Amino acid sequence: MSEFAEQPLPFDFDEATPAPMPRGRTPSYMADHRKRLRTRFMDGGAGAVPDYELLELVLFRAIPRQDVKPLAHTLMAEFGDFNRVVSAPPDRLRSIKGVGDAVICELKIIEASAQRLARAKVMNKQVISSWDALVDYCHTTMAHRETEQFRVLFLDRKNVLIADEEQGKGTVDHVPVYPREVAKRALELNASALILVHNHPSGDPTPSQSDIDMTAQMEMACAALGLTLHDHLIVGKSRELSFKSEGYL
């Protein structure tokens, strides 16, 4: 199997200073390690490599001629798992020694790709028949965020997802939500129904009293305009909570 070609990136390499080595050459032990890791990944897929090695594969392009294993371990120790590394805010990433623009760009490309792949499975699809894909999409986009985010999924009369919009960002435990603005946006999109989604950075999707109160206000605003509020999903780190399933709606 031929080794992947690494193209230069349009960034100054402000990552950790590499050990002295011949100009323009990668030490043979490092080249062999990269080749072995890529071959193992290509032969066995993602299941053949642990998270830190998957992260190494991502870092190879950002840092072409340096051992990236220590940086991969540092990132995993700081953020906890591969998903949290990829979805970490750029300023948090930049605070880690060895991380610069090239590394952040590669990580954010992976994050954006994962979100677009998940989104493609639900947009313009009938929500009821693609509910598991919808939950997966919400988890992919929101489960590993460090602050709360509130999104609204807008559906047409056939319950087809026609729009997915972020309505607000907040702190680690609060995000401002304005029911009238959400209902107004639904009318602008000619939507007939809504699904509310927000995340709990703590990882526990149990609704707070403010979550329950806001959902009740949203339900009243929707009813006044002839809109249906199908559900409110709270996304935790490893599971999601449905207001409808839990009897809150």
Protein backbone atom coordinates (compact mmCIF):
# COMPACT_ATOMS: atom_id res chain seq x y z
CA MET A 1 0.00 0.00 0.00
CA SER A 2 1.47 3.37 -1.00
CA GLU A 3 1.92 5.98 1.68
CA PHE A 4 -0.36 9.00 1.56
CA ALA A 5 1.25 12.16 0.22
CA GLU A 6 1.35 15.09 2.64
CA GLN A 7 0.83 18.47 1.02
CA PRO A 8 2.18 21.63 2.66
CA LEU A 9 -0.32 23.73 4.60
CA PRO A 10 -0.66 27.52 4.26
CA PHE A 11 0.29 28.20 7.85
CA ASP A 12 3.40 29.11 9.75
CA PHE A 13 4.25 26.05 11.80
CA ASP A 14 3.96 27.61 15.23
CA GLU A 15 3.46 24.24 16.88
CA ALA A 16 5.93 22.74 19.34
CA THR A 17 9.55 23.08 18.24
CA PRO A 18 10.73 19.81 16.66
CA ALA A 19 13.98 18.15 17.58
CA PRO A 20 16.91 18.94 15.24
CA MET A 21 16.89 16.76 12.12
CA PRO A 22 18.15 16.93 8.54
CA ARG A 23 16.38 19.70 6.65
CA GLY A 24 13.45 18.52 4.56
CA ARG A 25 13.64 14.92 5.76
CA THR A 26 11.53 12.90 8.17
CA PRO A 27 13.49 10.47 10.38
CA SER A 28 13.03 6.88 9.22
CA TYR A 29 11.65 5.70 12.57
CA MET A 30 8.94 8.37 12.38
CA ALA A 31 8.12 7.68 8.74
CA ASP A 32 7.86 3.97 9.54
CA HIS A 33 5.54 4.65 12.47
CA ARG A 34 3.28 6.82 10.35
CA LYS A 35 3.20 4.25 7.57
CA ARG A 36 2.39 1.41 9.98
CA LEU A 37 -0.38 3.42 11.64
CA ARG A 38 -1.95 4.41 8.33
CA THR A 39 -1.78 0.84 7.05
CA ARG A 40 -3.42 -0.48 10.22
CA PHE A 41 -6.18 2.12 9.90
CA MET A 42 -6.79 1.41 6.21
CA ASP A 43 -6.82 -2.35 6.75
CA GLY A 44 -8.89 -2.43 9.93
CA GLY A 45 -10.85 0.82 9.92
CA ALA A 46 -11.50 3.06 12.91
CA GLY A 47 -11.94 0.06 15.21
CA ALA A 48 -8.32 -0.92 14.66
CA VAL A 49 -6.91 2.20 16.32
CA PRO A 50 -7.59 3.73 19.75
CA ASP A 51 -8.65 7.37 20.05
CA TYR A 52 -5.17 8.78 20.58
CA GLU A 53 -3.87 7.09 17.41
CA LEU A 54 -6.85 8.34 15.42
CA LEU A 55 -5.89 11.78 16.69
CA GLU A 56 -2.31 11.16 15.56
CA LEU A 57 -3.58 10.47 12.05
CA VAL A 58 -5.31 13.84 12.06
CA LEU A 59 -2.21 15.59 13.38
CA PHE A 60 0.13 14.07 10.75
CA ARG A 61 -0.91 16.62 8.11
CA ALA A 62 -0.69 19.59 10.44
CA ILE A 63 2.78 18.65 11.71
CA PRO A 64 4.58 16.81 8.88
CA ARG A 65 8.03 16.24 10.39
CA GLN A 66 7.57 15.84 14.12
CA ASP A 67 6.54 13.07 16.50
CA VAL A 68 2.89 13.94 17.26
CA LYS A 69 2.23 11.11 19.74
CA PRO A 70 3.07 13.26 22.82
CA LEU A 71 0.75 16.03 21.60
CA ALA A 72 -2.05 13.51 20.94
CA HIS A 73 -1.73 12.20 24.49
CA THR A 74 -1.68 15.74 25.89
CA LEU A 75 -4.87 16.67 24.03
CA MET A 76 -6.61 13.47 25.14
CA ALA A 77 -5.62 14.10 28.76
CA GLU A 78 -6.82 17.71 28.62
CA PHE A 79 -10.19 17.16 26.94
CA GLY A 80 -11.03 13.56 27.80
CA ASP A 81 -11.77 11.87 24.47
CA PHE A 82 -11.43 12.26 20.71
CA ASN A 83 -14.83 13.94 20.27
CA ARG A 84 -14.10 16.60 22.87
CA VAL A 85 -10.71 17.33 21.32
CA VAL A 86 -12.21 17.84 17.88
CA SER A 87 -15.09 19.99 19.18
CA ALA A 88 -13.06 22.05 21.66
CA PRO A 89 -13.16 25.85 21.16
CA PRO A 90 -10.15 27.19 19.22
CA ASP A 91 -9.02 29.37 22.14
CA ARG A 92 -8.95 26.34 24.45
CA LEU A 93 -7.00 24.36 21.88
CA ARG A 94 -4.55 27.19 21.34
CA SER A 95 -3.76 27.21 25.06
CA ILE A 96 -2.16 23.77 24.70
CA LYS A 97 1.58 23.88 24.04
CA GLY A 98 2.21 22.60 20.54
CA VAL A 99 -1.15 23.61 19.08
CA GLY A 100 -1.27 26.38 16.49
CA ASP A 101 -3.42 27.35 13.52
CA ALA A 102 -2.49 24.31 11.42
CA VAL A 103 -3.59 21.86 14.11
CA ILE A 104 -6.78 23.79 14.87
CA CYS A 105 -7.67 23.90 11.18
CA GLU A 106 -7.30 20.12 10.80
CA LEU A 107 -9.42 19.46 13.91
CA LYS A 108 -12.16 21.83 12.78
CA ILE A 109 -12.23 20.22 9.32
CA ILE A 110 -12.91 16.88 11.03
CA GLU A 111 -15.61 18.43 13.22
CA ALA A 112 -17.34 20.12 10.28
CA SER A 113 -17.18 16.94 8.20
CA ALA A 114 -18.78 14.85 10.95
CA GLN A 115 -21.57 17.37 11.40
CA ARG A 116 -22.29 17.62 7.68
CA LEU A 117 -22.39 13.85 7.27
CA ALA A 118 -24.85 13.55 10.16
CA ARG A 119 -26.93 16.48 8.92
CA ALA A 120 -27.23 15.04 5.41
CA LYS A 121 -29.02 12.02 6.89
CA VAL A 122 -31.85 14.12 8.35
CA MET A 123 -32.34 17.27 6.26
CA ASN A 124 -35.38 17.10 3.98
CA LYS A 125 -36.29 13.74 5.51
CA GLN A 126 -39.45 12.71 7.32
CA VAL A 127 -38.53 13.02 10.99
CA ILE A 128 -40.62 10.15 12.33
CA SER A 129 -39.02 7.63 9.97
CA SER A 130 -35.50 8.96 10.61
CA TRP A 131 -35.74 9.64 14.35
CA ASP A 132 -32.60 7.68 15.27
CA ALA A 133 -30.60 9.59 12.64
CA LEU A 134 -32.01 12.86 14.00
CA VAL A 135 -30.92 11.99 17.54
CA ASP A 136 -27.48 10.98 16.23
CA TYR A 137 -27.19 14.31 14.44
CA CYS A 138 -28.11 16.25 17.59
CA HIS A 139 -25.59 14.25 19.59
CA THR A 140 -22.83 14.80 17.01
CA THR A 141 -23.34 18.56 16.88
CA MET A 142 -24.00 19.28 20.54
CA ALA A 143 -22.98 16.57 23.00
CA HIS A 144 -19.37 17.66 23.41
CA ARG A 145 -19.81 21.42 23.56
CA GLU A 146 -18.50 23.18 26.68
CA THR A 147 -21.31 25.76 26.72
CA GLU A 148 -25.05 25.47 26.20
CA GLN A 149 -26.49 25.84 22.72
CA PHE A 150 -30.17 26.06 21.78
CA ARG A 151 -31.33 24.87 18.36
CA VAL A 152 -34.73 24.64 16.71
CA LEU A 153 -35.64 22.07 14.08
CA PHE A 154 -38.44 23.36 11.82
CA LEU A 155 -40.79 20.86 10.16
CA ASP A 156 -43.38 21.20 7.40
CA ARG A 157 -46.91 19.74 7.39
CA LYS A 158 -45.54 16.30 6.50
CA ASN A 159 -43.04 16.46 9.37
CA VAL A 160 -40.15 16.83 6.94
CA LEU A 161 -37.19 18.72 8.40
CA ILE A 162 -36.90 21.95 6.40
CA ALA A 163 -34.53 23.98 8.59
CA ASP A 164 -32.16 23.58 11.52
CA GLU A 165 -31.13 26.84 13.13
CA GLU A 166 -29.14 27.88 16.17
CA GLN A 167 -31.21 30.27 18.22
CA GLY A 168 -28.78 31.04 21.00
CA LYS A 169 -25.51 30.32 22.79
CA GLY A 170 -24.99 30.60 26.50
CA THR A 171 -22.78 29.68 29.42
CA VAL A 172 -21.99 26.31 30.94
CA ASP A 173 -25.46 26.10 32.47
CA HIS A 174 -27.73 28.64 30.79
CA VAL A 175 -28.76 29.84 27.35
CA PRO A 176 -31.32 32.62 26.73
CA VAL A 177 -34.39 31.54 24.76
CA TYR A 178 -37.18 33.79 23.45
CA PRO A 179 -40.35 31.84 22.57
CA ARG A 180 -41.87 34.68 20.55
CA GLU A 181 -38.80 34.93 18.33
CA VAL A 182 -38.80 31.18 17.73
CA ALA A 183 -42.51 31.20 16.83
CA LYS A 184 -41.99 34.22 14.55
CA ARG A 185 -39.16 32.41 12.74
CA ALA A 186 -41.40 29.36 12.27
CA LEU A 187 -43.97 31.51 10.50
CA GLU A 188 -41.27 33.04 8.29
CA LEU A 189 -40.22 29.54 7.21
CA ASN A 190 -43.83 28.44 6.74
CA ALA A 191 -43.15 25.65 9.26
CA SER A 192 -45.97 23.72 10.89
CA ALA A 193 -44.11 22.08 13.75
CA LEU A 194 -40.97 22.42 15.89
CA ILE A 195 -38.52 20.29 17.79
CA LEU A 196 -36.42 22.08 20.39
CA VAL A 197 -32.90 20.87 21.14
CA HIS A 198 -30.32 22.02 23.63
CA ASN A 199 -27.32 20.48 25.36
CA HIS A 200 -26.18 20.17 28.96
CA PRO A 201 -22.37 20.52 29.11
CA SER A 202 -22.43 18.79 32.50
CA GLY A 203 -23.31 15.60 30.62
CA ASP A 204 -26.53 15.00 32.58
CA PRO A 205 -29.62 15.58 30.38
CA THR A 206 -32.03 15.82 33.34
CA PRO A 207 -34.14 18.98 32.74
CA SER A 208 -33.88 21.89 35.14
CA GLN A 209 -36.95 23.77 36.31
CA SER A 210 -36.04 26.59 33.93
CA ASP A 211 -35.94 24.05 31.07
CA ILE A 212 -39.42 22.87 32.00
CA ASP A 213 -40.78 26.42 32.36
CA MET A 214 -39.30 27.55 29.05
CA THR A 215 -40.76 24.53 27.26
CA ALA A 216 -44.21 25.30 28.68
CA GLN A 217 -43.91 28.91 27.47
CA MET A 218 -42.82 27.71 24.04
CA GLU A 219 -45.76 25.30 23.86
CA MET A 220 -48.17 28.14 24.66
CA ALA A 221 -46.59 30.41 22.02
CA CYS A 222 -46.83 27.64 19.40
CA ALA A 223 -50.45 26.83 20.26
CA ALA A 224 -51.44 30.48 19.86
CA LEU A 225 -50.10 30.44 16.29
CA GLY A 226 -51.34 27.01 15.30
CA LEU A 227 -47.89 25.40 15.50
CA THR A 228 -47.14 21.99 16.96
CA LEU A 229 -44.31 21.47 19.42
CA HIS A 230 -43.36 17.84 18.85
CA ASP A 231 -40.59 17.48 21.40
CA HIS A 232 -37.76 19.04 23.34
CA LEU A 233 -34.52 17.04 23.35
CA ILE A 234 -31.80 17.63 25.93
CA VAL A 235 -28.46 16.26 24.78
CA GLY A 236 -26.06 14.91 27.39
CA LYS A 237 -22.62 13.44 26.92
CA SER A 238 -23.74 9.84 26.41
CA ARG A 239 -27.54 9.99 26.22
CA GLU A 240 -30.44 12.23 25.33
CA LEU A 241 -33.71 13.01 27.14
CA SER A 242 -37.02 13.48 25.31
CA PHE A 243 -39.60 15.71 26.99
CA LYS A 244 -42.35 13.83 25.16
CA SER A 245 -41.11 10.40 26.24
CA GLU A 246 -40.67 11.56 29.83
CA GLY A 247 -44.17 13.04 30.01
CA TYR A 248 -43.22 16.73 30.13
CA LEU A 249 -45.09 17.33 26.84
